[in-house]
């Protein structure tokens, strides 16, 4: 029991420390988005998705692609040199879809399960599969929300995001 408890505590503390470092980074560097066009696009998409509650919209240096973060006060983080126009709209739509689907709480649950079952290699594989499946499900939901003529533009934006992360 003590070995299991020590392993669970180690996995949990490791992830907690990483999360606290990330939050400290956000507190220091993230600022609310000031660009009026970006804010209008964000609000328009939130209205279209019928989101009564929305994440904070912040910009943060050091990010390569937009992301949704934080469990209790969700924030949609944009890179400092975020795309504009249609590419930005598609990125915001993707991240707001993550928000609507409640993917952050799901990932927090997976982290807890991973900490409790740290000794099981299948659990680590399951956690990786959940991460991939949430992205695929979000892409699928986003694609279905777009008119047919805009789906190829969404596919190109995904490829650009993957390219930016790999570089």
N, C-alpha and C. Protein backbone atom coordinates (compact mmCIF):
# COMPACT_ATOMS: atom_id res chain seq x y z
N UNK A 1 0.82 -1.20 0.00
CA UNK A 1 0.00 0.00 0.00
C UNK A 1 0.86 1.26 0.00
N UNK A 2 1.94 1.26 0.78
CA UNK A 2 2.80 2.45 0.85
C UNK A 2 3.50 2.72 -0.47
N UNK A 3 3.88 1.66 -1.17
CA UNK A 3 4.52 1.84 -2.49
C UNK A 3 3.51 2.46 -3.46
N UNK A 4 2.28 1.92 -3.46
CA UNK A 4 1.25 2.48 -4.34
C UNK A 4 0.99 3.95 -3.99
N UNK A 5 0.85 4.24 -2.70
CA UNK A 5 0.58 5.60 -2.26
C UNK A 5 1.72 6.55 -2.64
N UNK A 6 2.95 6.10 -2.49
CA UNK A 6 4.11 6.93 -2.87
C UNK A 6 4.11 7.19 -4.37
N UNK A 7 3.80 6.17 -5.17
CA UNK A 7 3.75 6.36 -6.63
C UNK A 7 2.64 7.30 -7.04
N UNK A 8 1.46 7.14 -6.44
CA UNK A 8 0.33 8.02 -6.76
C UNK A 8 0.66 9.46 -6.37
N UNK A 9 1.26 9.63 -5.20
CA UNK A 9 1.63 10.98 -4.75
C UNK A 9 2.68 11.58 -5.68
N UNK A 10 3.63 10.78 -6.12
CA UNK A 10 4.69 11.28 -7.01
C UNK A 10 4.11 11.75 -8.34
N UNK A 11 3.24 10.94 -8.94
CA UNK A 11 2.64 11.31 -10.23
C UNK A 11 1.78 12.56 -10.07
N UNK A 12 0.97 12.58 -9.01
CA UNK A 12 0.11 13.73 -8.77
C UNK A 12 0.93 14.99 -8.53
N UNK A 13 1.95 14.90 -7.67
CA UNK A 13 2.78 16.07 -7.35
C UNK A 13 3.55 16.56 -8.57
N UNK A 14 4.03 15.66 -9.38
CA UNK A 14 4.76 16.03 -10.61
C UNK A 14 3.84 16.85 -11.52
N UNK A 15 2.63 16.35 -11.73
CA UNK A 15 1.68 17.06 -12.58
C UNK A 15 1.21 18.37 -11.95
N UNK A 16 1.02 18.37 -10.65
CA UNK A 16 0.63 19.59 -9.96
C UNK A 16 1.72 20.65 -10.07
N UNK A 17 2.97 20.25 -9.90
CA UNK A 17 4.08 21.20 -10.01
C UNK A 17 4.16 21.79 -11.43
N UNK A 18 3.99 20.94 -12.43
CA UNK A 18 4.01 21.42 -13.82
C UNK A 18 2.86 22.39 -14.06
N UNK A 19 1.69 22.08 -13.53
CA UNK A 19 0.53 22.95 -13.71
C UNK A 19 0.74 24.29 -12.99
N UNK A 20 1.29 24.26 -11.80
CA UNK A 20 1.53 25.49 -11.05
C UNK A 20 2.58 26.36 -11.75
N UNK A 21 3.60 25.74 -12.34
CA UNK A 21 4.59 26.50 -13.12
C UNK A 21 3.92 27.16 -14.32
N UNK A 22 3.02 26.43 -14.98
CA UNK A 22 2.31 26.97 -16.13
C UNK A 22 1.42 28.13 -15.71
N UNK A 23 0.71 27.98 -14.59
CA UNK A 23 -0.14 29.07 -14.10
C UNK A 23 0.68 30.30 -13.73
N UNK A 24 1.84 30.09 -13.14
CA UNK A 24 2.72 31.22 -12.81
C UNK A 24 3.17 31.92 -14.09
N UNK A 25 3.48 31.14 -15.12
CA UNK A 25 3.86 31.71 -16.41
C UNK A 25 2.70 32.56 -16.97
N UNK A 26 1.49 32.02 -16.89
CA UNK A 26 0.33 32.76 -17.40
C UNK A 26 0.09 34.04 -16.61
N UNK A 27 0.20 33.96 -15.27
CA UNK A 27 -0.01 35.17 -14.45
C UNK A 27 1.00 36.26 -14.82
N UNK A 28 2.21 35.83 -15.14
CA UNK A 28 3.24 36.82 -15.44
C UNK A 28 3.11 37.39 -16.86
N UNK A 29 2.80 36.55 -17.83
CA UNK A 29 2.91 36.98 -19.22
C UNK A 29 1.59 37.13 -19.98
N UNK A 30 0.56 36.41 -19.59
CA UNK A 30 -0.70 36.46 -20.35
C UNK A 30 -1.45 37.76 -20.06
N UNK A 31 -1.97 38.36 -21.11
CA UNK A 31 -2.73 39.60 -20.98
C UNK A 31 -4.02 39.46 -21.80
N UNK A 32 -5.07 40.17 -21.40
CA UNK A 32 -6.31 40.11 -22.18
C UNK A 32 -6.09 40.61 -23.61
N UNK A 33 -6.77 39.99 -24.52
CA UNK A 33 -6.70 40.40 -25.93
C UNK A 33 -7.28 41.81 -26.06
N UNK A 34 -6.58 42.67 -26.77
CA UNK A 34 -7.02 44.05 -26.96
C UNK A 34 -7.60 44.31 -28.35
N UNK A 35 -7.29 43.42 -29.29
CA UNK A 35 -7.72 43.62 -30.68
C UNK A 35 -9.24 43.49 -30.80
N UNK A 36 -9.88 44.54 -31.24
CA UNK A 36 -11.33 44.58 -31.35
C UNK A 36 -11.89 43.52 -32.29
N UNK A 37 -11.21 43.30 -33.43
CA UNK A 37 -11.70 42.30 -34.39
C UNK A 37 -11.67 40.90 -33.77
N UNK A 38 -10.61 40.59 -33.05
CA UNK A 38 -10.49 39.28 -32.41
C UNK A 38 -11.59 39.10 -31.36
N UNK A 39 -11.83 40.12 -30.57
CA UNK A 39 -12.87 40.05 -29.53
C UNK A 39 -14.25 39.89 -30.17
N UNK A 40 -14.51 40.64 -31.24
CA UNK A 40 -15.81 40.52 -31.92
C UNK A 40 -16.00 39.12 -32.50
N UNK A 41 -14.95 38.57 -33.11
CA UNK A 41 -15.02 37.22 -33.67
C UNK A 41 -15.27 36.20 -32.57
N UNK A 42 -14.55 36.34 -31.46
CA UNK A 42 -14.71 35.45 -30.31
C UNK A 42 -16.15 35.50 -29.79
N UNK A 43 -16.69 36.69 -29.62
CA UNK A 43 -18.07 36.83 -29.12
C UNK A 43 -19.11 36.32 -30.12
N UNK A 44 -18.87 36.57 -31.40
CA UNK A 44 -19.81 36.09 -32.43
C UNK A 44 -19.85 34.56 -32.43
N UNK A 45 -18.67 33.93 -32.36
CA UNK A 45 -18.62 32.46 -32.34
C UNK A 45 -19.26 31.91 -31.06
N UNK A 46 -19.02 32.57 -29.94
CA UNK A 46 -19.65 32.14 -28.69
C UNK A 46 -21.15 32.24 -28.76
N UNK A 47 -21.65 33.30 -29.41
CA UNK A 47 -23.10 33.44 -29.58
C UNK A 47 -23.65 32.35 -30.50
N UNK A 48 -22.94 32.08 -31.60
CA UNK A 48 -23.38 31.04 -32.53
C UNK A 48 -23.43 29.68 -31.85
N UNK A 49 -22.48 29.42 -30.95
CA UNK A 49 -22.42 28.13 -30.25
C UNK A 49 -23.33 28.12 -29.02
N UNK A 50 -24.00 29.24 -28.78
CA UNK A 50 -24.92 29.39 -27.65
C UNK A 50 -24.22 29.10 -26.32
N UNK A 51 -23.02 29.65 -26.16
CA UNK A 51 -22.27 29.50 -24.92
C UNK A 51 -22.70 30.61 -23.96
N UNK A 52 -23.32 30.24 -22.87
CA UNK A 52 -23.73 31.24 -21.89
C UNK A 52 -22.52 31.72 -21.08
N UNK A 53 -21.56 30.84 -20.91
CA UNK A 53 -20.32 31.16 -20.20
C UNK A 53 -19.17 30.92 -21.17
N UNK A 54 -18.17 31.79 -21.12
CA UNK A 54 -17.05 31.68 -22.07
C UNK A 54 -15.74 31.77 -21.32
N UNK A 55 -14.69 31.18 -21.91
CA UNK A 55 -13.38 31.31 -21.27
C UNK A 55 -12.85 32.72 -21.43
N UNK A 56 -11.90 33.09 -20.58
CA UNK A 56 -11.20 34.36 -20.75
C UNK A 56 -10.39 34.29 -22.03
N UNK A 57 -10.31 35.37 -22.75
CA UNK A 57 -9.54 35.42 -24.00
C UNK A 57 -8.26 36.19 -23.73
N UNK A 58 -7.13 35.45 -23.77
CA UNK A 58 -5.84 36.04 -23.44
C UNK A 58 -4.85 35.80 -24.57
N UNK A 59 -3.84 36.64 -24.60
CA UNK A 59 -2.72 36.42 -25.50
C UNK A 59 -1.49 36.17 -24.64
N UNK A 60 -0.63 35.30 -25.12
CA UNK A 60 0.52 34.90 -24.30
C UNK A 60 1.73 34.63 -25.19
N UNK A 61 2.86 35.24 -24.87
CA UNK A 61 4.07 34.97 -25.66
C UNK A 61 4.54 33.54 -25.39
N UNK A 62 5.23 33.00 -26.34
CA UNK A 62 5.79 31.66 -26.18
C UNK A 62 4.90 30.55 -26.71
N UNK A 63 3.66 30.85 -27.02
CA UNK A 63 2.77 29.83 -27.57
C UNK A 63 2.93 29.81 -29.08
N UNK A 64 2.84 28.61 -29.64
CA UNK A 64 2.90 28.50 -31.09
C UNK A 64 1.51 28.41 -31.71
N UNK A 65 0.59 27.82 -30.95
CA UNK A 65 -0.78 27.64 -31.44
C UNK A 65 -1.75 28.00 -30.32
N UNK A 66 -2.99 28.35 -30.67
CA UNK A 66 -3.99 28.63 -29.63
C UNK A 66 -4.25 27.38 -28.79
N UNK A 67 -4.66 27.61 -27.54
CA UNK A 67 -4.98 26.48 -26.67
C UNK A 67 -5.96 26.91 -25.60
N UNK A 68 -6.68 25.93 -25.08
CA UNK A 68 -7.58 26.13 -23.97
C UNK A 68 -6.88 25.59 -22.73
N UNK A 69 -6.91 26.35 -21.64
CA UNK A 69 -6.19 25.93 -20.44
C UNK A 69 -6.98 26.33 -19.20
N UNK A 70 -6.60 25.73 -18.09
CA UNK A 70 -7.10 26.05 -16.75
C UNK A 70 -8.46 25.41 -16.49
N UNK A 71 -8.54 24.71 -15.38
CA UNK A 71 -9.74 23.96 -15.02
C UNK A 71 -10.81 24.84 -14.41
N UNK A 72 -10.46 25.68 -13.45
CA UNK A 72 -11.48 26.43 -12.70
C UNK A 72 -11.83 27.77 -13.34
N UNK A 73 -10.87 28.44 -13.93
CA UNK A 73 -11.14 29.68 -14.67
C UNK A 73 -10.56 29.51 -16.07
N UNK A 74 -11.29 28.82 -16.94
CA UNK A 74 -10.75 28.50 -18.26
C UNK A 74 -10.32 29.75 -19.03
N UNK A 75 -9.25 29.58 -19.77
CA UNK A 75 -8.73 30.67 -20.60
C UNK A 75 -8.43 30.12 -21.99
N UNK A 76 -8.81 30.87 -22.98
CA UNK A 76 -8.45 30.56 -24.35
C UNK A 76 -7.22 31.42 -24.64
N UNK A 77 -6.10 30.77 -24.84
CA UNK A 77 -4.82 31.46 -25.02
C UNK A 77 -4.46 31.52 -26.49
N UNK A 78 -4.13 32.72 -26.93
CA UNK A 78 -3.69 32.93 -28.31
C UNK A 78 -2.21 33.29 -28.31
N UNK A 79 -1.46 32.83 -29.31
CA UNK A 79 -0.07 33.27 -29.42
C UNK A 79 -0.01 34.77 -29.64
N UNK A 80 1.10 35.37 -29.29
CA UNK A 80 1.24 36.82 -29.49
C UNK A 80 1.10 37.20 -30.96
N UNK A 81 1.63 36.38 -31.82
CA UNK A 81 1.53 36.65 -33.26
C UNK A 81 0.45 35.75 -33.87
N UNK A 82 -0.73 35.79 -33.27
CA UNK A 82 -1.84 34.95 -33.72
C UNK A 82 -2.23 35.28 -35.15
N UNK A 83 -2.74 34.28 -35.82
CA UNK A 83 -3.23 34.48 -37.17
C UNK A 83 -4.40 35.46 -37.13
N UNK A 84 -4.77 35.91 -38.28
CA UNK A 84 -5.91 36.82 -38.35
C UNK A 84 -6.88 36.30 -39.40
N UNK A 85 -8.01 36.95 -39.49
CA UNK A 85 -8.98 36.60 -40.52
C UNK A 85 -9.58 35.22 -40.31
N UNK A 86 -9.70 34.50 -41.40
CA UNK A 86 -10.35 33.19 -41.39
C UNK A 86 -9.58 32.17 -40.55
N UNK A 87 -8.25 32.20 -40.59
CA UNK A 87 -7.45 31.25 -39.80
C UNK A 87 -7.69 31.45 -38.31
N UNK A 88 -7.77 32.69 -37.87
CA UNK A 88 -8.05 32.98 -36.47
C UNK A 88 -9.45 32.50 -36.10
N UNK A 89 -10.42 32.75 -36.95
CA UNK A 89 -11.79 32.33 -36.69
C UNK A 89 -11.88 30.81 -36.53
N UNK A 90 -11.19 30.08 -37.39
CA UNK A 90 -11.22 28.62 -37.30
C UNK A 90 -10.52 28.13 -36.03
N UNK A 91 -9.43 28.78 -35.64
CA UNK A 91 -8.74 28.41 -34.40
C UNK A 91 -9.63 28.67 -33.19
N UNK A 92 -10.29 29.82 -33.17
CA UNK A 92 -11.20 30.13 -32.06
C UNK A 92 -12.36 29.14 -32.01
N UNK A 93 -12.89 28.79 -33.17
CA UNK A 93 -13.98 27.83 -33.22
C UNK A 93 -13.55 26.48 -32.65
N UNK A 94 -12.35 26.05 -33.00
CA UNK A 94 -11.82 24.78 -32.49
C UNK A 94 -11.69 24.82 -30.97
N UNK A 95 -11.09 25.87 -30.44
CA UNK A 95 -10.88 25.95 -28.99
C UNK A 95 -12.20 26.13 -28.24
N UNK A 96 -13.14 26.87 -28.79
CA UNK A 96 -14.45 27.00 -28.15
C UNK A 96 -15.21 25.68 -28.18
N UNK A 97 -14.96 24.87 -29.20
CA UNK A 97 -15.56 23.53 -29.23
C UNK A 97 -15.00 22.68 -28.10
N UNK A 98 -13.69 22.78 -27.85
CA UNK A 98 -13.11 22.09 -26.68
C UNK A 98 -13.80 22.54 -25.40
N UNK A 99 -14.04 23.84 -25.29
CA UNK A 99 -14.68 24.39 -24.10
C UNK A 99 -16.10 23.85 -23.96
N UNK A 100 -16.85 23.87 -25.04
CA UNK A 100 -18.24 23.39 -25.00
C UNK A 100 -18.30 21.91 -24.66
N UNK A 101 -17.34 21.14 -25.15
CA UNK A 101 -17.31 19.69 -24.90
C UNK A 101 -16.75 19.34 -23.51
N UNK A 102 -16.26 20.35 -22.79
CA UNK A 102 -15.69 20.16 -21.44
C UNK A 102 -14.50 19.20 -21.46
N UNK A 103 -13.60 19.43 -22.40
CA UNK A 103 -12.42 18.58 -22.52
C UNK A 103 -11.40 18.80 -21.41
N UNK A 104 -11.32 20.00 -20.86
CA UNK A 104 -10.37 20.25 -19.77
C UNK A 104 -10.74 19.44 -18.52
N UNK A 105 -11.99 19.44 -18.07
CA UNK A 105 -12.33 18.57 -16.93
C UNK A 105 -12.08 17.09 -17.22
N UNK A 106 -12.33 16.67 -18.46
CA UNK A 106 -12.05 15.28 -18.83
C UNK A 106 -10.56 14.97 -18.67
N UNK A 107 -9.72 15.88 -19.14
CA UNK A 107 -8.27 15.66 -19.02
C UNK A 107 -7.83 15.67 -17.56
N UNK A 108 -8.48 16.48 -16.73
CA UNK A 108 -8.17 16.48 -15.29
C UNK A 108 -8.55 15.14 -14.67
N UNK A 109 -9.69 14.59 -15.07
CA UNK A 109 -10.10 13.28 -14.58
C UNK A 109 -9.11 12.20 -15.00
N UNK A 110 -8.67 12.26 -16.24
CA UNK A 110 -7.68 11.30 -16.74
C UNK A 110 -6.38 11.41 -15.93
N UNK A 111 -6.00 12.61 -15.58
CA UNK A 111 -4.79 12.80 -14.76
C UNK A 111 -4.95 12.13 -13.40
N UNK A 112 -6.11 12.30 -12.77
CA UNK A 112 -6.36 11.65 -11.48
C UNK A 112 -6.31 10.13 -11.60
N UNK A 113 -6.95 9.60 -12.64
CA UNK A 113 -6.96 8.15 -12.84
C UNK A 113 -5.55 7.65 -13.10
N UNK A 114 -4.79 8.42 -13.86
CA UNK A 114 -3.40 8.05 -14.15
C UNK A 114 -2.57 8.05 -12.87
N UNK A 115 -2.82 8.99 -11.98
CA UNK A 115 -2.10 9.03 -10.71
C UNK A 115 -2.47 7.84 -9.83
N UNK A 116 -3.75 7.48 -9.82
CA UNK A 116 -4.18 6.35 -8.99
C UNK A 116 -3.71 5.01 -9.54
N UNK A 117 -3.61 4.91 -10.86
CA UNK A 117 -3.20 3.66 -11.50
C UNK A 117 -1.84 3.82 -12.17
N UNK A 118 -0.93 4.51 -11.52
CA UNK A 118 0.38 4.83 -12.08
C UNK A 118 1.17 3.59 -12.47
N UNK A 119 0.91 2.49 -11.82
CA UNK A 119 1.67 1.25 -12.02
C UNK A 119 1.21 0.48 -13.26
N UNK A 120 0.10 0.87 -13.86
CA UNK A 120 -0.50 0.14 -14.96
C UNK A 120 -0.13 0.78 -16.30
N UNK A 121 0.70 0.12 -17.10
CA UNK A 121 1.09 0.73 -18.39
C UNK A 121 -0.09 0.94 -19.34
N UNK A 122 -1.12 0.12 -19.20
CA UNK A 122 -2.30 0.32 -20.06
C UNK A 122 -3.00 1.64 -19.75
N UNK A 123 -2.91 2.08 -18.51
CA UNK A 123 -3.53 3.36 -18.13
C UNK A 123 -2.80 4.52 -18.82
N UNK A 124 -1.49 4.42 -18.94
CA UNK A 124 -0.72 5.47 -19.61
C UNK A 124 -1.07 5.50 -21.10
N UNK A 125 -1.26 4.31 -21.68
CA UNK A 125 -1.68 4.25 -23.09
C UNK A 125 -3.10 4.80 -23.26
N UNK A 126 -3.98 4.50 -22.28
CA UNK A 126 -5.34 5.02 -22.33
C UNK A 126 -5.33 6.54 -22.26
N UNK A 127 -4.49 7.09 -21.40
CA UNK A 127 -4.42 8.56 -21.28
C UNK A 127 -3.99 9.18 -22.61
N UNK A 128 -3.04 8.58 -23.27
CA UNK A 128 -2.61 9.10 -24.57
C UNK A 128 -3.74 8.98 -25.60
N UNK A 129 -4.48 7.86 -25.55
CA UNK A 129 -5.60 7.67 -26.47
C UNK A 129 -6.70 8.69 -26.20
N UNK A 130 -6.97 9.01 -24.94
CA UNK A 130 -7.98 10.02 -24.62
C UNK A 130 -7.57 11.36 -25.19
N UNK A 131 -6.29 11.71 -25.06
CA UNK A 131 -5.79 12.98 -25.62
C UNK A 131 -6.03 13.04 -27.13
N UNK A 132 -5.68 11.97 -27.82
CA UNK A 132 -5.88 11.94 -29.27
C UNK A 132 -7.35 11.95 -29.64
N UNK A 133 -8.14 11.19 -28.90
CA UNK A 133 -9.58 11.11 -29.20
C UNK A 133 -10.29 12.44 -28.95
N UNK A 134 -9.88 13.17 -27.92
CA UNK A 134 -10.52 14.47 -27.69
C UNK A 134 -10.24 15.42 -28.84
N UNK A 135 -9.02 15.38 -29.36
CA UNK A 135 -8.69 16.24 -30.51
C UNK A 135 -9.48 15.82 -31.75
N UNK A 136 -9.55 14.52 -32.00
CA UNK A 136 -10.29 14.06 -33.17
C UNK A 136 -11.78 14.37 -33.05
N UNK A 137 -12.35 14.17 -31.87
CA UNK A 137 -13.77 14.46 -31.66
C UNK A 137 -14.04 15.96 -31.80
N UNK A 138 -13.12 16.77 -31.30
CA UNK A 138 -13.27 18.23 -31.44
C UNK A 138 -13.20 18.63 -32.91
N UNK A 139 -12.24 18.07 -33.64
CA UNK A 139 -12.15 18.35 -35.08
C UNK A 139 -13.42 17.92 -35.81
N UNK A 140 -13.95 16.76 -35.45
CA UNK A 140 -15.17 16.27 -36.08
C UNK A 140 -16.34 17.21 -35.80
N UNK A 141 -16.49 17.63 -34.55
CA UNK A 141 -17.58 18.56 -34.19
C UNK A 141 -17.42 19.88 -34.93
N UNK A 142 -16.19 20.37 -34.99
CA UNK A 142 -15.93 21.64 -35.67
C UNK A 142 -16.25 21.52 -37.16
N UNK A 143 -15.82 20.42 -37.77
CA UNK A 143 -16.10 20.23 -39.19
C UNK A 143 -17.60 20.19 -39.47
N UNK A 144 -18.35 19.53 -38.61
CA UNK A 144 -19.79 19.45 -38.83
C UNK A 144 -20.49 20.80 -38.62
N UNK A 145 -19.86 21.69 -37.88
CA UNK A 145 -20.44 23.02 -37.67
C UNK A 145 -20.16 23.96 -38.84
N UNK A 146 -19.21 23.57 -39.69
CA UNK A 146 -18.83 24.44 -40.81
C UNK A 146 -19.59 24.07 -42.08
N UNK A 147 -19.90 25.06 -42.91
CA UNK A 147 -20.46 24.75 -44.23
C UNK A 147 -19.43 23.98 -45.06
N UNK A 148 -19.92 23.21 -46.01
CA UNK A 148 -19.05 22.36 -46.81
C UNK A 148 -17.90 23.07 -47.49
N UNK A 149 -18.12 24.31 -47.94
CA UNK A 149 -17.07 25.02 -48.66
C UNK A 149 -15.96 25.52 -47.74
N UNK A 150 -16.16 25.48 -46.42
CA UNK A 150 -15.15 25.97 -45.49
C UNK A 150 -14.36 24.84 -44.83
N UNK A 151 -14.73 23.61 -45.10
CA UNK A 151 -14.07 22.48 -44.45
C UNK A 151 -12.63 22.30 -44.89
N UNK A 152 -12.35 22.56 -46.14
CA UNK A 152 -10.96 22.42 -46.61
C UNK A 152 -10.07 23.49 -45.97
N UNK A 153 -10.61 24.69 -45.74
CA UNK A 153 -9.84 25.73 -45.06
C UNK A 153 -9.53 25.31 -43.63
N UNK A 154 -10.47 24.64 -42.97
CA UNK A 154 -10.23 24.13 -41.62
C UNK A 154 -9.12 23.08 -41.64
N UNK A 155 -9.17 22.18 -42.63
CA UNK A 155 -8.12 21.16 -42.76
C UNK A 155 -6.75 21.79 -42.95
N UNK A 156 -6.68 22.84 -43.76
CA UNK A 156 -5.40 23.53 -43.96
C UNK A 156 -4.93 24.18 -42.66
N UNK A 157 -5.86 24.75 -41.88
CA UNK A 157 -5.46 25.39 -40.62
C UNK A 157 -4.93 24.35 -39.63
N UNK A 158 -5.50 23.15 -39.63
CA UNK A 158 -4.98 22.08 -38.77
C UNK A 158 -3.57 21.70 -39.19
N UNK A 159 -3.36 21.56 -40.48
CA UNK A 159 -2.02 21.21 -40.97
C UNK A 159 -1.00 22.30 -40.62
N UNK A 160 -1.40 23.56 -40.71
CA UNK A 160 -0.50 24.65 -40.34
C UNK A 160 -0.18 24.60 -38.84
N UNK A 161 -1.16 24.29 -38.01
CA UNK A 161 -0.94 24.20 -36.57
C UNK A 161 0.01 23.05 -36.23
N UNK A 162 -0.18 21.91 -36.89
CA UNK A 162 0.72 20.76 -36.67
C UNK A 162 2.12 21.13 -37.11
N UNK A 163 2.24 21.80 -38.22
CA UNK A 163 3.55 22.23 -38.71
C UNK A 163 4.22 23.19 -37.74
N UNK A 164 3.43 24.12 -37.16
CA UNK A 164 3.99 25.09 -36.21
C UNK A 164 4.47 24.40 -34.93
N UNK A 165 3.75 23.39 -34.47
CA UNK A 165 4.12 22.68 -33.25
C UNK A 165 5.38 21.85 -33.48
N UNK A 166 5.52 21.25 -34.66
CA UNK A 166 6.66 20.39 -34.93
C UNK A 166 7.93 21.18 -35.20
N UNK A 167 7.82 22.43 -35.58
CA UNK A 167 9.02 23.24 -35.88
C UNK A 167 9.59 23.84 -34.67
